[in-house]
Amino acid sequence: MDEAEEIKRKKLEELQRKQQQTEEDQSNQQAQDLQKLAVLRALLTSDAKERLTRVKMGHPDLGVQVENLLIQLAQQGRIKQKIDENTLLTLLRQVQGQKKDFKIHRI
């Protein structure tokens, strides 16, 4: 019975370590998200924030890409003033690239 108890104890310790690691990872992710939001709040006007939120709802990958680009530009010191909605739209178009538009004409 000693071996079985030892195995149970080791399994329990391993599960506790994994749970603690998961909690730490979640905490770190939340801290990064809060920092990201604070930087974006400082960089964007209210209209631009709303636009970016709508983009993230419709196209999450594109929204994250633009957020990361904005943060990167801010860290490099290339953003001198708040980004308004028109500037954000230009940036969105650049990130999105040359997307082909399809027009369907019904006869």
C-alpha atoms as a PDB file:
ATOM      1  CA  MET A   1       0.000   0.000   0.000  1.00  0.00           C
ATOM      2  CA  ASP A   2       2.960   2.316   0.495  1.00  0.00           C
ATOM      3  CA  GLU A   3       3.742   2.319  -3.217  1.00  0.00           C
ATOM      4  CA  ALA A   4       0.147   3.135  -4.121  1.00  0.00           C
ATOM      5  CA  GLU A   5       0.065   6.003  -1.624  1.00  0.00           C
ATOM      6  CA  GLU A   6       3.391   7.287  -2.924  1.00  0.00           C
ATOM      7  CA  ILE A   7       2.094   7.215  -6.518  1.00  0.00           C
ATOM      8  CA  LYS A   8      -1.089   9.039  -5.472  1.00  0.00           C
ATOM      9  CA  ARG A   9       0.923  11.664  -3.607  1.00  0.00           C
ATOM     10  CA  LYS A  10       3.215  12.252  -6.599  1.00  0.00           C
ATOM     11  CA  LYS A  11       0.238  12.514  -8.960  1.00  0.00           C
ATOM     12  CA  LEU A  12      -1.431  14.989  -6.639  1.00  0.00           C
ATOM     13  CA  GLU A  13       1.727  17.104  -6.437  1.00  0.00           C
ATOM     14  CA  GLU A  14       2.051  17.051 -10.218  1.00  0.00           C
ATOM     15  CA  LEU A  15      -1.558  18.140 -10.690  1.00  0.00           C
ATOM     16  CA  GLN A  16      -1.101  20.947  -8.172  1.00  0.00           C
ATOM     17  CA  ARG A  17       2.023  22.173  -9.992  1.00  0.00           C
ATOM     18  CA  LYS A  18       0.194  22.109 -13.334  1.00  0.00           C
ATOM     19  CA  GLN A  19      -2.756  24.012 -11.873  1.00  0.00           C
ATOM     20  CA  GLN A  20      -0.443  26.604 -10.324  1.00  0.00           C
ATOM     21  CA  GLN A  21       1.386  27.029 -13.646  1.00  0.00           C
ATOM     22  CA  THR A  22      -1.920  27.461 -15.469  1.00  0.00           C
ATOM     23  CA  GLU A  23      -3.042  30.094 -12.965  1.00  0.00           C
ATOM     24  CA  GLU A  24       0.262  31.958 -13.361  1.00  0.00           C
ATOM     25  CA  ASP A  25      -0.058  31.846 -17.147  1.00  0.00           C
ATOM     26  CA  GLN A  26      -3.596  33.227 -16.964  1.00  0.00           C
ATOM     27  CA  SER A  27      -2.475  35.967 -14.606  1.00  0.00           C
ATOM     28  CA  ASN A  28       0.381  36.941 -16.915  1.00  0.00           C
ATOM     29  CA  GLN A  29      -1.966  36.971 -19.924  1.00  0.00           C
ATOM     30  CA  GLN A  30      -4.425  39.221 -18.079  1.00  0.00           C
ATOM     31  CA  ALA A  31      -1.624  41.606 -17.125  1.00  0.00           C
ATOM     32  CA  GLN A  32      -0.451  41.769 -20.750  1.00  0.00           C
ATOM     33  CA  ASP A  33      -4.006  42.387 -21.951  1.00  0.00           C
ATOM     34  CA  LEU A  34      -4.440  45.232 -19.456  1.00  0.00           C
ATOM     35  CA  GLN A  35      -1.159  46.828 -20.563  1.00  0.00           C
ATOM     36  CA  LYS A  36      -2.200  46.469 -24.188  1.00  0.00           C
ATOM     37  CA  LEU A  37      -5.545  48.144 -23.482  1.00  0.00           C
ATOM     38  CA  ALA A  38      -3.871  50.989 -21.623  1.00  0.00           C
ATOM     39  CA  VAL A  39      -1.486  51.653 -24.515  1.00  0.00           C
ATOM     40  CA  LEU A  40      -4.293  51.503 -27.078  1.00  0.00           C
ATOM     41  CA  ARG A  41      -6.446  53.823 -24.970  1.00  0.00           C
ATOM     42  CA  ALA A  42      -3.625  56.355 -24.999  1.00  0.00           C
ATOM     43  CA  LEU A  43      -3.020  55.988 -28.746  1.00  0.00           C
ATOM     44  CA  LEU A  44      -6.556  56.049 -30.176  1.00  0.00           C
ATOM     45  CA  THR A  45      -9.368  58.564 -30.188  1.00  0.00           C
ATOM     46  CA  SER A  46     -12.764  57.322 -29.027  1.00  0.00           C
ATOM     47  CA  ASP A  47     -14.014  56.918 -32.610  1.00  0.00           C
ATOM     48  CA  ALA A  48     -10.931  54.929 -33.560  1.00  0.00           C
ATOM     49  CA  LYS A  49     -11.345  52.703 -30.486  1.00  0.00           C
ATOM     50  CA  GLU A  50     -14.940  51.980 -31.473  1.00  0.00           C
ATOM     51  CA  ARG A  51     -13.891  51.192 -35.055  1.00  0.00           C
ATOM     52  CA  LEU A  52     -11.152  48.839 -33.883  1.00  0.00           C
ATOM     53  CA  THR A  53     -13.606  47.087 -31.553  1.00  0.00           C
ATOM     54  CA  ARG A  54     -16.017  46.536 -34.454  1.00  0.00           C
ATOM     55  CA  VAL A  55     -13.200  45.233 -36.643  1.00  0.00           C
ATOM     56  CA  LYS A  56     -12.140  42.817 -33.908  1.00  0.00           C
ATOM     57  CA  MET A  57     -15.686  41.491 -33.631  1.00  0.00           C
ATOM     58  CA  GLY A  58     -15.939  40.831 -37.361  1.00  0.00           C
ATOM     59  CA  HIS A  59     -12.340  39.906 -38.107  1.00  0.00           C
ATOM     60  CA  PRO A  60     -10.493  38.983 -34.890  1.00  0.00           C
ATOM     61  CA  ASP A  61      -7.206  38.169 -36.635  1.00  0.00           C
ATOM     62  CA  LEU A  62      -7.125  41.496 -38.438  1.00  0.00           C
ATOM     63  CA  GLY A  63      -7.981  43.365 -35.233  1.00  0.00           C
ATOM     64  CA  VAL A  64      -5.164  41.718 -33.297  1.00  0.00           C
ATOM     65  CA  GLN A  65      -2.765  42.376 -36.162  1.00  0.00           C
ATOM     66  CA  VAL A  66      -3.626  46.083 -36.168  1.00  0.00           C
ATOM     67  CA  GLU A  67      -3.379  46.306 -32.375  1.00  0.00           C
ATOM     68  CA  ASN A  68       0.071  44.725 -32.433  1.00  0.00           C
ATOM     69  CA  LEU A  69       1.168  47.046 -35.226  1.00  0.00           C
ATOM     70  CA  LEU A  70      -0.051  50.117 -33.326  1.00  0.00           C
ATOM     71  CA  ILE A  71       1.786  49.031 -30.177  1.00  0.00           C
ATOM     72  CA  GLN A  72       4.929  48.330 -32.173  1.00  0.00           C
ATOM     73  CA  LEU A  73       4.786  51.765 -33.833  1.00  0.00           C
ATOM     74  CA  ALA A  74       4.273  53.415 -30.454  1.00  0.00           C
ATOM     75  CA  GLN A  75       7.256  51.586 -28.978  1.00  0.00           C
ATOM     76  CA  GLN A  76       9.393  52.738 -31.890  1.00  0.00           C
ATOM     77  CA  GLY A  77       8.260  56.311 -31.296  1.00  0.00           C
ATOM     78  CA  ARG A  78       6.704  56.614 -34.746  1.00  0.00           C
ATOM     79  CA  ILE A  79       3.307  57.755 -33.428  1.00  0.00           C
ATOM     80  CA  LYS A  80       3.391  61.432 -32.492  1.00  0.00           C
ATOM     81  CA  GLN A  81      -0.317  62.099 -31.882  1.00  0.00           C
ATOM     82  CA  LYS A  82      -3.535  60.227 -31.242  1.00  0.00           C
ATOM     83  CA  ILE A  83      -4.744  58.055 -34.098  1.00  0.00           C
ATOM     84  CA  ASP A  84      -8.151  59.135 -35.395  1.00  0.00           C
ATOM     85  CA  GLU A  85     -10.663  56.993 -37.251  1.00  0.00           C
ATOM     86  CA  ASN A  86      -9.492  58.014 -40.741  1.00  0.00           C
ATOM     87  CA  THR A  87      -5.880  57.177 -39.938  1.00  0.00           C
ATOM     88  CA  LEU A  88      -6.989  53.857 -38.473  1.00  0.00           C
ATOM     89  CA  LEU A  89      -8.943  53.074 -41.648  1.00  0.00           C
ATOM     90  CA  THR A  90      -5.835  53.766 -43.718  1.00  0.00           C
ATOM     91  CA  LEU A  91      -3.819  51.493 -41.463  1.00  0.00           C
ATOM     92  CA  LEU A  92      -6.487  48.779 -41.709  1.00  0.00           C
ATOM     93  CA  ARG A  93      -6.363  48.941 -45.491  1.00  0.00           C
ATOM     94  CA  GLN A  94      -2.575  48.636 -45.468  1.00  0.00           C
ATOM     95  CA  VAL A  95      -2.638  45.659 -43.116  1.00  0.00           C
ATOM     96  CA  GLN A  96      -5.417  43.994 -45.029  1.00  0.00           C
ATOM     97  CA  GLY A  97      -3.394  44.316 -48.216  1.00  0.00           C
ATOM     98  CA  GLN A  98      -4.699  43.963 -51.693  1.00  0.00           C
ATOM     99  CA  LYS A  99      -7.864  42.074 -50.973  1.00  0.00           C
ATOM    100  CA  LYS A 100      -9.841  41.328 -54.080  1.00  0.00           C
ATOM    101  CA  ASP A 101     -13.359  42.665 -54.120  1.00  0.00           C
ATOM    102  CA  PHE A 102     -15.950  40.450 -55.665  1.00  0.00           C
ATOM    103  CA  LYS A 103     -19.071  42.017 -57.012  1.00  0.00           C
ATOM    104  CA  ILE A 104     -21.988  39.823 -57.810  1.00  0.00           C
ATOM    105  CA  HIS A 105     -24.308  41.130 -60.456  1.00  0.00           C
ATOM    106  CA  ARG A 106     -27.669  39.428 -60.660  1.00  0.00           C
ATOM    107  CA  ILE A 107     -29.409  39.376 -63.953  1.00  0.00           C
END
